[in-house]
């Protein structure tokens, strides 16, 4: 049951990311502006929540990435990835295939319908 729940969760998250990619790269200007108004705050909040969980402890280790046997110094991979994507990128990513689609070989991008 846990595997089914995990698969459903992963699929829902990838579907949402694919949908947002599609809107960001293929929608008209008004739709992209509406997307920015609603989604940027949600995405920055999500990043902050993830980064808060990976704040270094008093020993300078990431509590989420560390175990007793394998302590991980800060910055952990989560902070490194955040920096690469939020600070290091000079421009937004070009049209790209989602990770899910790349792994499965099929697109999971939702289609936009005219209203």
N, C-alpha and C. Protein backbone atom coordinates (compact mmCIF):
# COMPACT_ATOMS: atom_id res chain seq x y z
N UNK A 1 0.81 -1.19 0.00
CA UNK A 1 0.00 0.00 0.00
C UNK A 1 0.85 1.26 0.00
N UNK A 2 1.95 1.26 0.76
CA UNK A 2 2.84 2.42 0.78
C UNK A 2 3.44 2.70 -0.59
N UNK A 3 3.76 1.64 -1.33
CA UNK A 3 4.33 1.82 -2.66
C UNK A 3 3.33 2.48 -3.60
N UNK A 4 2.07 2.09 -3.50
CA UNK A 4 1.03 2.67 -4.35
C UNK A 4 0.84 4.14 -4.00
N UNK A 5 0.81 4.44 -2.71
CA UNK A 5 0.68 5.83 -2.28
C UNK A 5 1.87 6.66 -2.74
N UNK A 6 3.07 6.12 -2.59
CA UNK A 6 4.27 6.84 -3.02
C UNK A 6 4.25 7.08 -4.53
N UNK A 7 3.86 6.08 -5.29
CA UNK A 7 3.78 6.23 -6.75
C UNK A 7 2.73 7.27 -7.13
N UNK A 8 1.60 7.25 -6.46
CA UNK A 8 0.55 8.22 -6.73
C UNK A 8 1.02 9.63 -6.40
N UNK A 9 1.69 9.77 -5.28
CA UNK A 9 2.23 11.07 -4.87
C UNK A 9 3.24 11.58 -5.88
N UNK A 10 4.20 10.73 -6.25
CA UNK A 10 5.21 11.13 -7.24
C UNK A 10 4.57 11.52 -8.56
N UNK A 11 3.63 10.71 -9.00
CA UNK A 11 2.96 10.97 -10.27
C UNK A 11 2.21 12.30 -10.24
N UNK A 12 1.50 12.57 -9.15
CA UNK A 12 0.76 13.83 -9.03
C UNK A 12 1.71 15.03 -9.05
N UNK A 13 2.82 14.93 -8.35
CA UNK A 13 3.79 16.04 -8.32
C UNK A 13 4.40 16.24 -9.70
N UNK A 14 4.79 15.16 -10.36
CA UNK A 14 5.37 15.29 -11.70
C UNK A 14 4.33 15.84 -12.68
N UNK A 15 3.09 15.39 -12.57
CA UNK A 15 2.04 15.91 -13.44
C UNK A 15 1.88 17.42 -13.27
N UNK A 16 1.91 17.87 -12.02
CA UNK A 16 1.76 19.30 -11.75
C UNK A 16 2.94 20.09 -12.31
N UNK A 17 4.15 19.58 -12.10
CA UNK A 17 5.33 20.25 -12.64
C UNK A 17 5.30 20.30 -14.16
N UNK A 18 4.89 19.21 -14.78
CA UNK A 18 4.77 19.18 -16.24
C UNK A 18 3.74 20.20 -16.72
N UNK A 19 2.63 20.29 -16.02
CA UNK A 19 1.58 21.25 -16.37
C UNK A 19 2.11 22.68 -16.26
N UNK A 20 2.83 22.96 -15.18
CA UNK A 20 3.39 24.30 -15.01
C UNK A 20 4.44 24.61 -16.08
N UNK A 21 5.26 23.61 -16.43
CA UNK A 21 6.22 23.79 -17.52
C UNK A 21 5.50 24.14 -18.81
N UNK A 22 4.44 23.42 -19.09
CA UNK A 22 3.67 23.64 -20.31
C UNK A 22 3.09 25.06 -20.34
N UNK A 23 2.53 25.49 -19.24
CA UNK A 23 1.98 26.84 -19.18
C UNK A 23 3.08 27.89 -19.32
N UNK A 24 4.18 27.69 -18.62
CA UNK A 24 5.26 28.68 -18.63
C UNK A 24 5.89 28.83 -20.00
N UNK A 25 5.93 27.76 -20.77
CA UNK A 25 6.59 27.83 -22.07
C UNK A 25 5.66 27.96 -23.26
N UNK A 26 4.38 27.59 -23.10
CA UNK A 26 3.51 27.57 -24.26
C UNK A 26 2.25 28.39 -24.18
N UNK A 27 1.97 28.97 -23.04
CA UNK A 27 0.73 29.71 -22.88
C UNK A 27 0.89 31.14 -23.38
N UNK A 28 -0.24 31.81 -23.55
CA UNK A 28 -0.20 33.21 -23.97
C UNK A 28 0.26 34.09 -22.80
N UNK A 29 0.50 35.34 -23.09
CA UNK A 29 1.05 36.27 -22.10
C UNK A 29 0.15 36.42 -20.87
N UNK A 30 -1.15 36.51 -21.07
CA UNK A 30 -2.08 36.66 -19.94
C UNK A 30 -2.05 35.44 -19.03
N UNK A 31 -1.99 34.26 -19.63
CA UNK A 31 -1.96 33.03 -18.84
C UNK A 31 -0.66 32.94 -18.06
N UNK A 32 0.45 33.34 -18.67
CA UNK A 32 1.74 33.32 -17.96
C UNK A 32 1.74 34.32 -16.81
N UNK A 33 1.13 35.48 -17.01
CA UNK A 33 1.04 36.48 -15.94
C UNK A 33 0.19 35.94 -14.79
N UNK A 34 -0.92 35.29 -15.10
CA UNK A 34 -1.77 34.70 -14.06
C UNK A 34 -1.01 33.58 -13.34
N UNK A 35 -0.24 32.83 -14.10
CA UNK A 35 0.57 31.76 -13.51
C UNK A 35 1.58 32.33 -12.53
N UNK A 36 2.23 33.41 -12.92
CA UNK A 36 3.21 34.05 -12.03
C UNK A 36 2.54 34.54 -10.76
N UNK A 37 1.35 35.13 -10.90
CA UNK A 37 0.64 35.64 -9.73
C UNK A 37 0.31 34.56 -8.72
N UNK A 38 -0.01 33.37 -9.19
CA UNK A 38 -0.44 32.32 -8.28
C UNK A 38 0.66 31.34 -7.90
N UNK A 39 1.49 31.01 -8.81
CA UNK A 39 2.42 29.89 -8.58
C UNK A 39 3.77 30.28 -8.00
N UNK A 40 4.25 31.47 -8.26
CA UNK A 40 5.58 31.83 -7.75
C UNK A 40 5.59 31.81 -6.23
N UNK A 41 4.55 32.33 -5.61
CA UNK A 41 4.49 32.31 -4.15
C UNK A 41 4.44 30.87 -3.63
N UNK A 42 3.67 30.03 -4.28
CA UNK A 42 3.59 28.62 -3.86
C UNK A 42 4.95 27.92 -4.00
N UNK A 43 5.64 28.19 -5.09
CA UNK A 43 6.93 27.53 -5.31
C UNK A 43 8.00 28.07 -4.37
N UNK A 44 8.02 29.36 -4.11
CA UNK A 44 9.01 29.88 -3.17
C UNK A 44 8.72 29.38 -1.75
N UNK A 45 7.47 29.25 -1.41
CA UNK A 45 7.12 28.70 -0.10
C UNK A 45 7.57 27.25 0.01
N UNK A 46 7.38 26.49 -1.05
CA UNK A 46 7.82 25.09 -1.05
C UNK A 46 9.34 25.00 -0.89
N UNK A 47 10.08 25.83 -1.63
CA UNK A 47 11.54 25.84 -1.51
C UNK A 47 11.96 26.18 -0.09
N UNK A 48 11.31 27.20 0.50
CA UNK A 48 11.67 27.57 1.87
C UNK A 48 11.42 26.44 2.86
N UNK A 49 10.32 25.73 2.69
CA UNK A 49 10.00 24.61 3.58
C UNK A 49 11.05 23.51 3.46
N UNK A 50 11.44 23.19 2.25
CA UNK A 50 12.46 22.16 2.04
C UNK A 50 13.80 22.62 2.61
N UNK A 51 14.18 23.86 2.34
CA UNK A 51 15.46 24.37 2.84
C UNK A 51 15.48 24.48 4.36
N UNK A 52 14.36 24.83 4.96
CA UNK A 52 14.28 24.86 6.43
C UNK A 52 14.56 23.49 7.03
N UNK A 53 14.06 22.45 6.38
CA UNK A 53 14.30 21.09 6.88
C UNK A 53 15.77 20.70 6.75
N UNK A 54 16.50 21.37 5.88
CA UNK A 54 17.91 21.04 5.64
C UNK A 54 18.87 22.08 6.23
N UNK A 55 18.39 22.88 7.19
CA UNK A 55 19.26 23.83 7.89
C UNK A 55 20.29 23.05 8.71
N UNK A 56 21.51 23.53 8.75
CA UNK A 56 22.54 22.80 9.52
C UNK A 56 22.24 22.84 11.02
N UNK A 57 22.60 21.75 11.69
CA UNK A 57 22.46 21.70 13.14
C UNK A 57 23.67 22.37 13.79
N UNK A 58 23.79 22.26 15.12
CA UNK A 58 24.87 22.93 15.83
C UNK A 58 26.25 22.40 15.45
N UNK A 59 26.31 21.23 14.85
CA UNK A 59 27.59 20.66 14.41
C UNK A 59 27.89 20.98 12.94
N UNK A 60 26.99 21.71 12.31
CA UNK A 60 27.19 22.05 10.90
C UNK A 60 26.82 20.92 9.96
N UNK A 61 25.92 20.05 10.41
CA UNK A 61 25.48 18.91 9.59
C UNK A 61 24.02 19.07 9.21
N UNK A 62 23.67 18.52 8.07
CA UNK A 62 22.28 18.52 7.64
C UNK A 62 21.54 17.41 8.36
N UNK A 63 20.51 17.74 9.15
CA UNK A 63 19.80 16.70 9.90
C UNK A 63 18.98 15.76 9.01
N UNK A 64 18.54 16.22 7.87
CA UNK A 64 17.75 15.38 6.97
C UNK A 64 18.60 14.42 6.16
N UNK A 65 19.77 14.85 5.79
CA UNK A 65 20.64 14.03 4.94
C UNK A 65 21.61 13.15 5.75
N UNK A 66 21.73 13.43 7.04
CA UNK A 66 22.68 12.70 7.87
C UNK A 66 22.05 11.50 8.55
N UNK A 67 22.88 10.54 8.82
CA UNK A 67 22.52 9.42 9.69
C UNK A 67 23.65 9.27 10.70
N UNK A 68 23.47 8.39 11.66
CA UNK A 68 24.54 8.19 12.64
C UNK A 68 25.84 7.76 11.98
N UNK A 69 25.71 6.92 11.00
CA UNK A 69 26.90 6.38 10.34
C UNK A 69 27.47 7.31 9.28
N UNK A 70 26.61 8.13 8.70
CA UNK A 70 27.04 8.99 7.59
C UNK A 70 26.59 10.42 7.80
N UNK A 71 27.31 11.16 8.62
CA UNK A 71 26.95 12.57 8.79
C UNK A 71 27.26 13.35 7.51
N UNK A 72 26.36 14.25 7.14
CA UNK A 72 26.53 15.07 5.94
C UNK A 72 26.74 16.52 6.35
N UNK A 73 27.86 17.08 5.93
CA UNK A 73 28.16 18.47 6.22
C UNK A 73 27.24 19.38 5.41
N UNK A 74 27.03 20.55 5.95
CA UNK A 74 26.27 21.57 5.25
C UNK A 74 27.24 22.33 4.36
N UNK A 75 26.96 22.71 3.17
CA UNK A 75 25.67 22.55 2.52
C UNK A 75 25.49 21.16 1.93
N UNK A 76 24.31 20.63 2.12
CA UNK A 76 23.99 19.32 1.57
C UNK A 76 23.58 19.47 0.10
N UNK A 77 23.24 18.38 -0.53
CA UNK A 77 22.88 18.42 -1.95
C UNK A 77 21.63 19.25 -2.19
N UNK A 78 20.72 19.30 -1.23
CA UNK A 78 19.51 20.10 -1.41
C UNK A 78 19.87 21.57 -1.52
N UNK A 79 20.75 22.05 -0.66
CA UNK A 79 21.18 23.45 -0.73
C UNK A 79 21.98 23.71 -2.01
N UNK A 80 22.79 22.77 -2.41
CA UNK A 80 23.58 22.93 -3.64
C UNK A 80 22.66 23.01 -4.86
N UNK A 81 21.66 22.15 -4.90
CA UNK A 81 20.71 22.16 -6.02
C UNK A 81 19.90 23.46 -6.01
N UNK A 82 19.48 23.89 -4.82
CA UNK A 82 18.74 25.15 -4.72
C UNK A 82 19.58 26.29 -5.27
N UNK A 83 20.84 26.33 -4.89
CA UNK A 83 21.71 27.40 -5.37
C UNK A 83 21.87 27.33 -6.88
N UNK A 84 22.09 26.14 -7.41
CA UNK A 84 22.25 26.00 -8.86
C UNK A 84 21.03 26.51 -9.61
N UNK A 85 19.84 26.17 -9.14
CA UNK A 85 18.62 26.52 -9.86
C UNK A 85 18.12 27.93 -9.58
N UNK A 86 18.35 28.43 -8.38
CA UNK A 86 17.82 29.74 -8.03
C UNK A 86 18.81 30.87 -8.22
N UNK A 87 20.09 30.60 -8.04
CA UNK A 87 21.12 31.63 -8.12
C UNK A 87 22.00 31.45 -9.35
N UNK A 88 22.42 30.22 -9.60
CA UNK A 88 23.39 29.95 -10.66
C UNK A 88 22.85 30.07 -12.07
N UNK A 89 21.56 29.87 -12.24
CA UNK A 89 20.98 29.91 -13.58
C UNK A 89 20.83 31.35 -14.03
N UNK A 90 21.42 31.69 -15.16
CA UNK A 90 21.32 33.04 -15.69
C UNK A 90 20.01 33.28 -16.41
N UNK A 91 19.42 32.21 -16.91
CA UNK A 91 18.17 32.35 -17.65
C UNK A 91 17.26 31.18 -17.31
N UNK A 92 15.96 31.34 -17.56
CA UNK A 92 15.05 30.24 -17.29
C UNK A 92 15.38 29.06 -18.19
N UNK A 93 15.05 27.84 -17.76
CA UNK A 93 15.35 26.68 -18.59
C UNK A 93 14.58 26.76 -19.90
N UNK A 94 15.23 26.31 -20.95
CA UNK A 94 14.58 26.27 -22.26
C UNK A 94 13.55 25.15 -22.25
N UNK A 95 12.78 25.06 -23.33
CA UNK A 95 11.85 23.94 -23.41
C UNK A 95 12.61 22.67 -23.14
N UNK A 96 12.11 21.93 -22.19
CA UNK A 96 12.80 20.71 -21.81
C UNK A 96 11.78 19.63 -21.53
N UNK A 97 12.23 18.44 -21.62
CA UNK A 97 11.36 17.32 -21.30
C UNK A 97 11.43 17.10 -19.79
N UNK A 98 10.32 16.78 -19.19
CA UNK A 98 10.31 16.59 -17.74
C UNK A 98 11.11 15.36 -17.37
N UNK A 99 11.53 15.30 -16.10
CA UNK A 99 12.27 14.15 -15.62
C UNK A 99 11.43 12.88 -15.75
N UNK A 100 10.15 13.00 -15.41
CA UNK A 100 9.26 11.84 -15.49
C UNK A 100 9.17 11.34 -16.92
N UNK A 101 8.98 12.26 -17.86
CA UNK A 101 8.86 11.86 -19.25
C UNK A 101 10.18 11.27 -19.76
N UNK A 102 11.30 11.82 -19.30
CA UNK A 102 12.60 11.31 -19.73
C UNK A 102 12.82 9.88 -19.23
N UNK A 103 12.38 9.60 -18.02
CA UNK A 103 12.57 8.27 -17.45
C UNK A 103 11.64 7.25 -18.08
N UNK A 104 10.37 7.62 -18.26
CA UNK A 104 9.38 6.67 -18.76
C UNK A 104 9.31 6.63 -20.28
N UNK A 105 9.85 7.67 -20.92
CA UNK A 105 9.79 7.71 -22.37
C UNK A 105 8.46 8.22 -22.90
N UNK A 106 7.62 8.73 -22.01
CA UNK A 106 6.35 9.27 -22.48
C UNK A 106 6.05 10.57 -21.75
N UNK A 107 5.36 11.43 -22.43
CA UNK A 107 5.06 12.73 -21.86
C UNK A 107 3.89 12.63 -20.88
N UNK A 108 3.96 13.42 -19.82
CA UNK A 108 2.88 13.50 -18.86
C UNK A 108 2.34 14.93 -18.80
N UNK A 109 2.55 15.67 -19.87
CA UNK A 109 2.14 17.06 -19.89
C UNK A 109 0.64 17.14 -20.16
N UNK A 110 -0.04 17.89 -19.30
CA UNK A 110 -1.47 18.09 -19.48
C UNK A 110 -1.69 18.98 -20.70
N UNK A 111 -2.77 18.76 -21.38
CA UNK A 111 -3.07 19.59 -22.54
C UNK A 111 -3.93 20.76 -22.13
N UNK A 112 -3.71 21.87 -22.79
CA UNK A 112 -4.50 23.06 -22.53
C UNK A 112 -5.66 23.09 -23.52
N UNK A 113 -6.83 23.32 -23.00
CA UNK A 113 -8.00 23.38 -23.86
C UNK A 113 -8.48 24.81 -23.93
N UNK A 114 -8.90 25.24 -25.09
CA UNK A 114 -9.46 26.58 -25.24
C UNK A 114 -10.83 26.61 -24.59
N UNK A 115 -11.11 27.72 -23.90
CA UNK A 115 -12.42 27.83 -23.27
C UNK A 115 -13.36 28.68 -24.06
